[in-house]
Structures are given as structure tokens and as C-alpha cells.
Amino acid sequence: MLRKYLSSILLATALCTGTAYAGDVRFVVPPYSSETEPFFKEVERDFEAANPGINLVLEFTSWETLNQKLTTDIAAGSPPDLALIGTRSLTDYAAQGVAEPLDAHMTPAFKDVFIESFFSPSMIDGKLMGLPFAASARAMIVNTELFEKAGAKPPTTWDEFMGAARQISKLPGTYGFGLQGQGVEVDAYYFYALLSFGGRILKEDGMSALNSPEAIAAAQSYKQLIDDGATQPTPTSYGEAETFALFKQGKVGMVFTFPMLIPQIKKEAPNLKYEVLPIPVKTTSATYGITDTLMMFSGAKSKDEAWKVIEFLYQDKYRAAFDEREGLLPVTKAVAASDYYQKDPDMRAFTALLPVAHFAPLIPNFDQIADITVRALQRVYLGEETSEVALNRAATEIDVLRKK
């Protein structure tokens, strides 16, 4: 206990002075839900008990501030040893030379733990620059009780979706569709419609496709729902958590979401009646998929110790606990074969959408591209610009970035 106390004092000094001590593994973790911090603290406790002399130092930061924190640490010459990042940011970190290639650390036995297809998003120039940590395909969740009250049926097409949203919104204190317009993943919430309309994020030549007729029509369909009073008022005031809170409170008929919402519903709204369905189809059966990556930094001061943390964290016991508690899809073979993923109808519904999932392109500056997209969408949702004007401007800005 005294060793741990003294180590904590030394660590605090280290973080203030930009130095680190051998045996400390700094691990930056952005929380997925209220389950994330307790889970990683359990890992910290178990890892340190199994590895005397190595301190696992967890640093929790929001997804909104994650890249800013990492960039600041890197600039100060004190990067963490490990971090969970959105895979779409990995290309930028690799280009900066701050991501550690992991091939030399891997053993055949450890590599065989994974579902091999999930390595693809982290392969850059033939090198494995990170490990798949979290995966999800997105789906629609509907409140079946509200549908029954409104006399509507769960939609399979986009036209049915628009009609059901308007119909449910006629119920007192109820909104047909929960539309996210603020914070992380506003762009993803738009991509569900974009892909269903047959649009793409980038053209074949690598330039922006946001000025395509499909992209403009997809954005306009959301704006039409806002104008019709079929969403919550002023969606640009609602982030992910606020939008999903409305659904858990029984005030929203439909949301597009990741599997992580399922355990939240079961815990926070156990009496809510819901069903998981595919994203409604306009012209194309499609959804948006997300992966997150566990990255080691090339400037890490405790690489050997950090690799021990990685191997410990990917044991079946911890992978199963993390995936099930967070409601994520498995990235390892053993967890994918478990009864939870083979028999649970909600998880099966999400997993079934993986074959039609489109993932964010692995290109430099994608976070900047996402920011441009979000700002354009917010102007549309607020009625400041038409979909055509906003998305044409966004496409021009993105093309300038792509040409650099």
C-alpha cells in the first residue's frame, strides 16, 4: 500500500514535469459509458496483482477532448504508452511517426486471438499500427409501444420512416425521430441517411462526395423532419447522450444507434419495449460501421510493460466482460463464439448488419473532414443554409484538404 502511495506521488510529479518512471504504463482511455471506468479499474487492480512492479496508470478523458489531449502530450514530449483512439485518427498518428508498429511484438498465438478481418483498418503501408479494440455496426431501434399507440408500423423503407416519424410525433409529448445535431458523431448520424440514399463519403477519385444529389437529398430529408416537427426541437442542442436519453425516457419513437445502447436500456429503462431493426432503405441496404483502435506510442517509455498490459487485456475473461458490458461487437474469436453473441437477439440483429456496413475511409485529416461535415449539417438543421449550399461549400473545403 505504501509502495502504491509513493508511486502515486511520483507519478503526479512525473505528469507535471513531462517525465515518466520505469514501470509506469500510462494508458489514456475515453469512456464509452458509465461502465468503462469501473471495468478498466478492475483491469488495473488485476494486472498490478499479477505483475508486481508495474503500475498501470489510467487517464480518462472524453472522446471530444481525446485528440487534443494526445496532441498536447506529444508536443510536450510526454506521450502516453497506450491510448484508445477512433480508428479514423490512426492514419494521422502514423503519418506523424508517433504510432508504434506492433508486428514485432506479436506472436502467432496472440495474433490468432483476433477475428482477422478487423486487422485491416489498422494496416498502414503493410504495418500493423494498432489493434482492434471496439467494433460496432449501427442499426435503428424503435419504441414498439409508441408505434402501437400511434397506429404505425416499424419502417423498412425511408418513405415509411419519414411517415412513421410524423405519425408518432402527433402523440402528446412525443417525437418520432431522435436526431443528433451536436457533439461527436453528428457526421455519423448523417451517414446513415447518406448511405441509404446510395451516397458515399468520398468519390472514387478520393474527393468529397458531399455535393452529390444523394448526399444533398439525404440532408434535406432530415431538415424536412425538423420542419415537420417530427424530431425533438432544435436537434443542434442535442448530443449523443441527450438524444439517447430521450429514447430511454420513452419520448422518442426511433433512433439510429450503436449496440452500446442496449445494455444502457436494460439497466436504465428495463420496462421499455423496443426492437432492433436495419436502417431503413431509400435505394440501398447499408449502414455505418465504427472501429476503435488500441495504439502504442513510438515514444512510449515503457514499451515492454505496455505490451504486457495489452496481452493481459485481451484475455477472454476481460474481452467478454468489456464487450458485453459496453454492448459492443466482438473483435476476438472466442468472444464471438460465446452464447451471448450467438443467441442474444439484439446482438444478432447488429451483427447481421456487418456485411452491409461502410467504414470511415482511412485517410489523413479525416477528423478535419468530419468537423467540416458537422458544421455544414448544423447550418442546414438551423435553417441558415439550404442542403445544396451547405454541402457544396463543405465539399469544396474537403477537396482543398484532400489535395494537400
Protein backbone atom coordinates (compact mmCIF):
# COMPACT_ATOMS: atom_id res chain seq x y z
CA MET A 1 0.00 0.00 0.00
CA LEU A 2 2.90 2.33 0.86
CA ARG A 3 4.58 1.46 -2.48
CA LYS A 4 1.39 2.34 -4.33
CA TYR A 5 1.05 5.61 -2.36
CA LEU A 6 4.65 6.66 -3.06
CA SER A 7 4.26 5.67 -6.71
CA SER A 8 1.18 7.88 -6.97
CA ILE A 9 3.15 10.85 -5.62
CA LEU A 10 5.98 10.19 -8.06
CA LEU A 11 3.52 9.82 -10.92
CA ALA A 12 1.89 13.16 -10.11
CA THR A 13 5.34 14.76 -10.19
CA ALA A 14 6.13 12.99 -13.46
CA LEU A 15 2.98 14.23 -15.17
CA CYS A 16 3.69 17.78 -14.07
CA THR A 17 7.33 17.71 -15.27
CA GLY A 18 6.74 15.79 -18.52
CA THR A 19 8.72 12.73 -17.37
CA ALA A 20 7.75 9.17 -16.55
CA TYR A 21 9.25 6.43 -14.44
CA ALA A 22 10.16 2.91 -15.49
CA GLY A 23 7.42 0.52 -14.52
CA ASP A 24 4.63 3.04 -15.09
CA VAL A 25 2.34 2.38 -18.07
CA ARG A 26 0.25 5.44 -18.92
CA PHE A 27 -2.97 4.43 -20.65
CA VAL A 28 -5.38 7.09 -21.98
CA VAL A 29 -8.97 5.84 -22.10
CA PRO A 30 -12.03 7.71 -23.40
CA PRO A 31 -15.15 6.31 -21.70
CA TYR A 32 -17.81 4.59 -23.79
CA SER A 33 -20.36 4.59 -20.99
CA SER A 34 -20.63 4.58 -17.21
CA GLU A 35 -19.27 1.01 -17.35
CA THR A 36 -15.90 1.95 -18.85
CA GLU A 37 -14.13 3.39 -15.84
CA PRO A 38 -15.15 0.61 -13.42
CA PHE A 39 -14.08 -2.02 -15.96
CA PHE A 40 -10.63 -0.54 -16.51
CA LYS A 41 -10.11 -0.08 -12.79
CA GLU A 42 -10.78 -3.80 -12.37
CA VAL A 43 -8.18 -4.48 -15.06
CA GLU A 44 -5.75 -2.15 -13.28
CA ARG A 45 -6.26 -4.00 -9.98
CA ASP A 46 -5.88 -7.47 -11.51
CA PHE A 47 -2.95 -6.53 -13.73
CA GLU A 48 -0.92 -4.99 -10.93
CA ALA A 49 -1.62 -8.01 -8.71
CA ALA A 50 -0.31 -10.29 -11.45
CA ASN A 51 2.63 -8.03 -12.38
CA PRO A 52 4.32 -6.66 -9.24
CA GLY A 53 6.48 -3.65 -10.02
CA ILE A 54 4.40 -2.40 -12.95
CA ASN A 55 1.91 0.39 -12.29
CA LEU A 56 -0.97 0.78 -14.73
CA VAL A 57 -1.82 4.48 -14.70
CA LEU A 58 -5.23 5.17 -16.23
CA GLU A 59 -6.08 8.62 -17.58
CA PHE A 60 -9.74 9.07 -18.51
CA THR A 61 -10.70 11.78 -20.98
CA SER A 62 -13.77 12.37 -23.11
CA TRP A 63 -13.92 11.48 -26.78
CA GLU A 64 -14.41 15.18 -27.53
CA THR A 65 -11.07 16.11 -25.91
CA LEU A 66 -9.12 12.92 -26.68
CA ASN A 67 -7.15 14.06 -29.73
CA GLN A 68 -6.44 17.44 -28.17
CA LYS A 69 -5.03 15.77 -25.06
CA LEU A 70 -2.87 13.36 -27.08
CA THR A 71 -1.61 16.14 -29.34
CA THR A 72 -0.67 18.24 -26.31
CA ASP A 73 1.14 15.31 -24.66
CA ILE A 74 3.03 14.54 -27.87
CA ALA A 75 4.06 18.17 -28.34
CA ALA A 76 5.30 18.25 -24.74
CA GLY A 77 7.45 15.18 -25.36
CA SER A 78 5.45 13.06 -22.91
CA PRO A 79 3.12 10.82 -24.92
CA PRO A 80 1.31 8.07 -23.05
CA ASP A 81 2.34 4.49 -23.60
CA LEU A 82 -1.11 3.38 -24.78
CA ALA A 83 -4.34 5.02 -25.87
CA LEU A 84 -7.71 4.03 -27.23
CA ILE A 85 -8.47 6.10 -30.32
CA GLY A 86 -11.03 6.22 -33.09
CA THR A 87 -9.51 4.22 -35.96
CA ARG A 88 -10.16 7.11 -38.33
CA SER A 89 -7.46 9.09 -36.44
CA LEU A 90 -4.83 6.35 -36.76
CA THR A 91 -3.62 7.45 -40.20
CA ASP A 92 -2.73 10.90 -38.87
CA TYR A 93 -0.82 9.50 -35.90
CA ALA A 94 1.03 7.06 -38.18
CA ALA A 95 1.92 9.86 -40.60
CA GLN A 96 3.36 11.86 -37.68
CA GLY A 97 5.53 8.88 -36.76
CA VAL A 98 4.09 8.66 -33.26
CA ALA A 99 2.35 5.28 -33.67
CA GLU A 100 4.42 2.20 -32.85
CA PRO A 101 4.26 -0.66 -35.40
CA LEU A 102 3.16 -3.75 -33.49
CA ASP A 103 4.27 -6.55 -35.81
CA ALA A 104 7.49 -7.18 -33.89
CA HIS A 105 5.57 -7.51 -30.63
CA MET A 106 3.05 -10.03 -31.97
CA THR A 107 3.34 -13.78 -31.55
CA PRO A 108 1.41 -16.19 -33.80
CA ALA A 109 -0.62 -17.35 -30.80
CA PHE A 110 -1.61 -13.80 -29.85
CA LYS A 111 -2.45 -12.88 -33.44
CA ASP A 112 -4.74 -15.91 -33.65
CA VAL A 113 -6.89 -14.49 -30.84
CA PHE A 114 -8.41 -11.94 -33.23
CA ILE A 115 -11.01 -12.05 -35.98
CA GLU A 116 -8.52 -11.38 -38.75
CA SER A 117 -10.70 -9.05 -40.82
CA PHE A 118 -10.58 -6.47 -38.03
CA PHE A 119 -6.84 -6.01 -38.60
CA SER A 120 -7.50 -4.35 -41.97
CA PRO A 121 -8.41 -0.87 -40.68
CA SER A 122 -5.13 -0.71 -38.73
CA MET A 123 -2.82 -1.86 -41.55
CA ILE A 124 -0.90 1.12 -42.93
CA ASP A 125 1.83 0.66 -45.55
CA GLY A 126 1.94 -3.04 -44.72
CA LYS A 127 2.47 -2.49 -41.00
CA LEU A 128 0.04 -3.18 -38.17
CA MET A 129 -0.20 0.18 -36.39
CA GLY A 130 -2.81 -0.75 -33.80
CA LEU A 131 -5.08 -3.48 -32.52
CA PRO A 132 -8.86 -3.64 -32.95
CA PHE A 133 -10.44 -2.84 -29.60
CA ALA A 134 -14.07 -1.98 -30.21
CA ALA A 135 -16.38 -2.54 -33.15
CA SER A 136 -19.97 -1.75 -33.95
CA ALA A 137 -22.37 -1.69 -36.84
CA ARG A 138 -25.24 0.73 -36.47
CA ALA A 139 -28.95 -0.05 -36.54
CA MET A 140 -32.32 1.52 -35.84
CA ILE A 141 -34.04 0.95 -32.50
CA VAL A 142 -37.76 1.59 -32.30
CA ASN A 143 -40.06 2.02 -29.31
CA THR A 144 -42.69 -0.60 -30.18
CA GLU A 145 -45.16 0.73 -27.62
CA LEU A 146 -45.19 4.18 -29.22
CA PHE A 147 -45.67 2.61 -32.63
CA GLU A 148 -48.68 0.71 -31.33
CA LYS A 149 -50.18 3.86 -29.77
CA ALA A 150 -49.68 5.80 -32.99
CA GLY A 151 -51.07 3.02 -35.16
CA ALA A 152 -47.85 2.94 -37.18
CA LYS A 153 -45.69 0.03 -38.24
CA PRO A 154 -41.89 -0.12 -37.90
CA PRO A 155 -40.42 1.10 -41.19
CA THR A 156 -38.28 -0.80 -43.67
CA THR A 157 -38.10 1.94 -46.33
CA TRP A 158 -37.08 5.57 -45.98
CA ASP A 159 -40.51 6.81 -47.04
CA GLU A 160 -42.10 4.64 -44.32
CA PHE A 161 -39.56 6.01 -41.86
CA MET A 162 -40.48 9.61 -42.68
CA GLY A 163 -44.20 8.82 -42.39
CA ALA A 164 -43.82 6.96 -39.09
CA ALA A 165 -41.80 9.84 -37.59
CA ARG A 166 -44.57 12.30 -38.44
CA GLN A 167 -47.28 9.96 -37.17
CA ILE A 168 -45.62 9.26 -33.80
CA SER A 169 -44.93 12.97 -33.31
CA LYS A 170 -48.69 13.55 -33.11
CA LEU A 171 -48.73 11.73 -29.74
CA PRO A 172 -48.57 14.18 -26.78
CA GLY A 173 -45.02 14.90 -25.57
CA THR A 174 -43.51 12.55 -28.12
CA TYR A 175 -41.09 12.91 -31.04
CA GLY A 176 -40.97 10.48 -33.93
CA PHE A 177 -37.23 10.57 -34.54
CA GLY A 178 -34.35 11.49 -32.27
CA LEU A 179 -31.85 13.43 -34.40
CA GLN A 180 -28.38 14.16 -33.04
CA GLY A 181 -27.04 17.56 -34.07
CA GLN A 182 -24.26 18.30 -31.58
CA GLY A 183 -21.00 16.69 -30.44
CA VAL A 184 -19.13 13.62 -31.59
CA GLU A 185 -20.70 11.58 -34.40
CA VAL A 186 -23.08 14.16 -35.82
CA ASP A 187 -21.44 13.22 -39.13
CA ALA A 188 -22.08 9.51 -38.48
CA TYR A 189 -25.75 10.22 -37.78
CA TYR A 190 -25.95 11.81 -41.22
CA PHE A 191 -24.02 8.98 -42.88
CA TYR A 192 -26.84 6.55 -42.06
CA ALA A 193 -29.11 8.50 -44.38
CA LEU A 194 -26.34 9.25 -46.89
CA LEU A 195 -25.55 5.56 -47.38
CA SER A 196 -29.22 4.57 -47.53
CA PHE A 197 -29.71 7.13 -50.32
CA GLY A 198 -26.89 5.46 -52.25
CA GLY A 199 -24.37 8.20 -51.48
CA ARG A 200 -20.75 7.93 -50.43
CA ILE A 201 -18.39 9.91 -48.22
CA LEU A 202 -15.71 10.11 -50.93
CA LYS A 203 -15.79 9.68 -54.70
CA GLU A 204 -13.63 7.08 -56.43
CA ASP A 205 -11.02 9.76 -57.10
CA GLY A 206 -10.76 10.44 -53.36
CA MET A 207 -12.52 13.80 -53.48
CA SER A 208 -15.61 14.65 -51.41
CA ALA A 209 -18.96 13.22 -52.46
CA LEU A 210 -20.98 15.51 -50.17
CA ASN A 211 -22.11 17.60 -53.14
CA SER A 212 -23.73 14.62 -54.88
CA PRO A 213 -27.51 14.59 -55.42
CA GLU A 214 -27.81 11.66 -52.99
CA ALA A 215 -25.90 13.48 -50.25
CA ILE A 216 -27.95 16.67 -50.66
CA ALA A 217 -31.23 14.73 -50.65
CA ALA A 218 -30.23 12.80 -47.51
CA ALA A 219 -29.51 16.01 -45.59
CA GLN A 220 -32.72 17.56 -46.86
CA SER A 221 -34.75 14.59 -45.57
CA TYR A 222 -33.50 15.30 -42.03
CA LYS A 223 -34.26 19.01 -42.43
CA GLN A 224 -37.76 18.14 -43.62
CA LEU A 225 -38.37 16.11 -40.46
CA ILE A 226 -37.20 19.05 -38.34
CA ASP A 227 -39.52 21.42 -40.21
CA ASP A 228 -42.42 18.96 -39.82
CA GLY A 229 -41.94 18.79 -36.05
CA ALA A 230 -41.09 15.09 -36.35
CA THR A 231 -37.83 15.41 -34.35
CA GLN A 232 -37.12 16.90 -30.96
CA PRO A 233 -36.94 20.72 -31.12
CA THR A 234 -33.57 22.21 -32.14
CA PRO A 235 -31.55 19.00 -32.69
CA THR A 236 -28.33 21.06 -32.69
CA SER A 237 -28.77 21.33 -28.92
CA TYR A 238 -28.74 17.54 -28.54
CA GLY A 239 -25.61 15.45 -28.35
CA GLU A 240 -25.47 11.69 -28.41
CA ALA A 241 -26.21 11.25 -24.70
CA GLU A 242 -29.13 13.69 -24.72
CA THR A 243 -30.67 12.13 -27.83
CA PHE A 244 -30.45 8.63 -26.43
CA ALA A 245 -31.77 9.82 -23.06
CA LEU A 246 -34.98 10.89 -24.80
CA PHE A 247 -35.34 7.39 -26.20
CA LYS A 248 -34.70 5.74 -22.84
CA GLN A 249 -37.32 8.04 -21.32
CA GLY A 250 -39.89 6.77 -23.83
CA LYS A 251 -40.22 10.14 -25.56
CA VAL A 252 -38.82 9.16 -28.96
CA GLY A 253 -40.09 6.58 -31.42
CA MET A 254 -36.87 5.89 -33.34
CA VAL A 255 -33.13 6.44 -33.06
CA PHE A 256 -30.15 5.25 -35.06
CA THR A 257 -27.56 3.84 -32.69
CA PHE A 258 -24.72 1.53 -31.80
CA PRO A 259 -25.11 -1.73 -29.84
CA MET A 260 -23.93 0.05 -26.68
CA LEU A 261 -27.39 1.50 -26.20
CA ILE A 262 -28.83 -1.97 -25.48
CA PRO A 263 -27.18 -2.57 -22.07
CA GLN A 264 -27.98 1.03 -21.15
CA ILE A 265 -31.67 0.42 -21.88
CA LYS A 266 -31.68 -2.83 -19.93
CA LYS A 267 -30.09 -1.13 -16.95
CA GLU A 268 -31.75 2.30 -17.02
CA ALA A 269 -35.11 1.60 -18.68
CA PRO A 270 -35.85 -2.10 -18.12
CA ASN A 271 -39.55 -1.71 -18.91
CA LEU A 272 -39.01 -0.03 -22.27
CA LYS A 273 -40.36 -2.09 -25.16
CA TYR A 274 -38.08 -1.90 -28.17
CA GLU A 275 -36.91 -3.71 -31.29
CA VAL A 276 -33.62 -3.56 -33.21
CA LEU A 277 -34.09 -3.17 -36.96
CA PRO A 278 -31.94 -2.35 -40.01
CA ILE A 279 -31.52 1.24 -41.18
CA PRO A 280 -34.48 1.97 -43.50
CA VAL A 281 -33.71 1.71 -47.21
CA LYS A 282 -34.08 4.56 -49.70
CA THR A 283 -32.18 2.96 -52.59
CA THR A 284 -29.52 0.88 -50.82
CA SER A 285 -29.35 -1.52 -47.88
CA ALA A 286 -26.46 -0.10 -45.88
CA THR A 287 -25.23 1.05 -42.51
CA TYR A 288 -22.22 2.78 -41.00
CA GLY A 289 -19.64 0.80 -39.06
CA ILE A 290 -17.15 2.05 -36.49
CA THR A 291 -13.97 0.57 -35.10
CA ASP A 292 -11.72 1.87 -32.35
CA THR A 293 -8.05 1.04 -32.04
CA LEU A 294 -5.64 0.37 -29.21
CA MET A 295 -2.43 2.19 -30.13
CA MET A 296 1.04 2.10 -28.62
CA PHE A 297 3.10 5.27 -28.99
CA SER A 298 6.54 5.13 -30.59
CA GLY A 299 7.75 7.50 -27.89
CA ALA A 300 6.45 5.27 -25.09
CA LYS A 301 8.92 4.93 -22.24
CA SER A 302 7.66 1.51 -21.11
CA LYS A 303 7.00 -0.47 -24.29
CA ASP A 304 7.72 -3.91 -22.84
CA GLU A 305 5.48 -3.25 -19.85
CA ALA A 306 2.82 -1.74 -22.15
CA TRP A 307 2.79 -4.90 -24.26
CA LYS A 308 2.20 -6.94 -21.11
CA VAL A 309 -0.85 -4.75 -20.45
CA ILE A 310 -2.09 -5.43 -23.98
CA GLU A 311 -1.73 -9.20 -23.67
CA PHE A 312 -3.44 -9.12 -20.28
CA LEU A 313 -6.32 -7.00 -21.56
CA TYR A 314 -7.07 -9.33 -24.49
CA GLN A 315 -7.60 -12.39 -22.32
CA ASP A 316 -11.02 -13.93 -22.94
CA LYS A 317 -12.23 -13.02 -19.44
CA TYR A 318 -11.66 -9.30 -19.93
CA ARG A 319 -12.67 -9.12 -23.58
CA ALA A 320 -16.01 -10.82 -22.85
CA ALA A 321 -16.67 -8.56 -19.87
CA PHE A 322 -15.84 -5.38 -21.80
CA ASP A 323 -17.83 -6.25 -24.93
CA GLU A 324 -20.91 -7.41 -23.04
CA ARG A 325 -20.97 -4.58 -20.51
CA GLU A 326 -20.47 -1.93 -23.19
CA GLY A 327 -22.72 -3.60 -25.76
CA LEU A 328 -20.04 -3.79 -28.46
CA LEU A 329 -19.46 -6.37 -31.15
CA PRO A 330 -16.58 -8.80 -30.55
CA VAL A 331 -13.17 -8.47 -32.20
CA THR A 332 -11.83 -11.80 -30.86
CA LYS A 333 -12.78 -15.30 -31.95
CA ALA A 334 -13.56 -16.72 -28.52
CA VAL A 335 -15.96 -13.93 -27.58
CA ALA A 336 -17.68 -14.08 -30.97
CA ALA A 337 -18.35 -17.79 -30.38
CA SER A 338 -19.88 -17.23 -26.94
CA ASP A 339 -23.58 -17.81 -26.23
CA TYR A 340 -24.11 -14.10 -25.67
CA TYR A 341 -23.32 -13.27 -29.29
CA GLN A 342 -24.71 -16.45 -30.78
CA LYS A 343 -28.08 -16.41 -29.01
CA ASP A 344 -28.89 -12.85 -27.90
CA PRO A 345 -31.42 -11.49 -30.46
CA ASP A 346 -30.33 -7.86 -30.06
CA MET A 347 -26.67 -8.61 -30.65
CA ARG A 348 -27.54 -10.89 -33.56
CA ALA A 349 -29.50 -8.03 -35.15
CA PHE A 350 -26.49 -5.73 -35.04
CA THR A 351 -24.04 -8.41 -36.14
CA ALA A 352 -26.25 -9.23 -39.14
CA LEU A 353 -25.62 -5.72 -40.48
CA LEU A 354 -21.83 -6.09 -40.70
CA PRO A 355 -21.95 -7.35 -44.33
CA VAL A 356 -23.57 -4.06 -45.49
CA ALA A 357 -21.51 -1.78 -43.21
CA HIS A 358 -19.39 1.02 -44.65
CA PHE A 359 -16.47 2.23 -42.55
CA ALA A 360 -14.84 5.65 -42.39
CA PRO A 361 -12.11 5.92 -45.02
CA LEU A 362 -8.57 5.60 -43.68
CA ILE A 363 -7.22 8.90 -44.95
CA PRO A 364 -5.25 11.77 -43.43
CA ASN A 365 -7.21 14.63 -41.88
CA PHE A 366 -10.45 12.68 -41.55
CA ASP A 367 -11.19 14.37 -38.23
CA GLN A 368 -10.99 17.74 -40.00
CA ILE A 369 -13.25 16.41 -42.75
CA ALA A 370 -15.72 15.31 -40.09
CA ASP A 371 -15.65 18.77 -38.50
CA ILE A 372 -16.38 20.42 -41.86
CA THR A 373 -19.26 18.00 -42.41
CA VAL A 374 -20.72 18.64 -38.95
CA ARG A 375 -20.63 22.42 -39.36
CA ALA A 376 -22.40 22.14 -42.72
CA LEU A 377 -25.09 19.90 -41.29
CA GLN A 378 -25.68 22.22 -38.36
CA ARG A 379 -26.20 25.13 -40.75
CA VAL A 380 -28.77 23.02 -42.59
CA TYR A 381 -30.56 21.92 -39.41
CA LEU A 382 -30.72 25.52 -38.15
CA GLY A 383 -32.10 26.74 -41.48
CA GLU A 384 -29.12 29.02 -42.07
CA GLU A 385 -28.34 27.44 -45.45
CA THR A 386 -30.02 25.01 -47.80
CA SER A 387 -28.65 21.48 -48.05
CA GLU A 388 -27.30 22.25 -51.52
CA VAL A 389 -25.44 25.41 -50.49
CA ALA A 390 -24.04 23.96 -47.24
CA LEU A 391 -22.87 20.66 -48.71
CA ASN A 392 -21.38 22.22 -51.83
CA ARG A 393 -19.36 24.53 -49.60
CA ALA A 394 -18.32 21.59 -47.40
CA ALA A 395 -17.27 19.53 -50.42
CA THR A 396 -15.09 22.40 -51.67
CA GLU A 397 -13.39 22.75 -48.27
CA ILE A 398 -12.82 18.99 -48.03
CA ASP A 399 -11.35 18.85 -51.54
CA VAL A 400 -8.83 21.52 -50.56
CA LEU A 401 -7.74 19.30 -47.65
CA ARG A 402 -7.61 16.20 -49.85
CA LYS A 403 -5.30 17.92 -52.35
CA LYS A 404 -2.71 18.88 -49.74
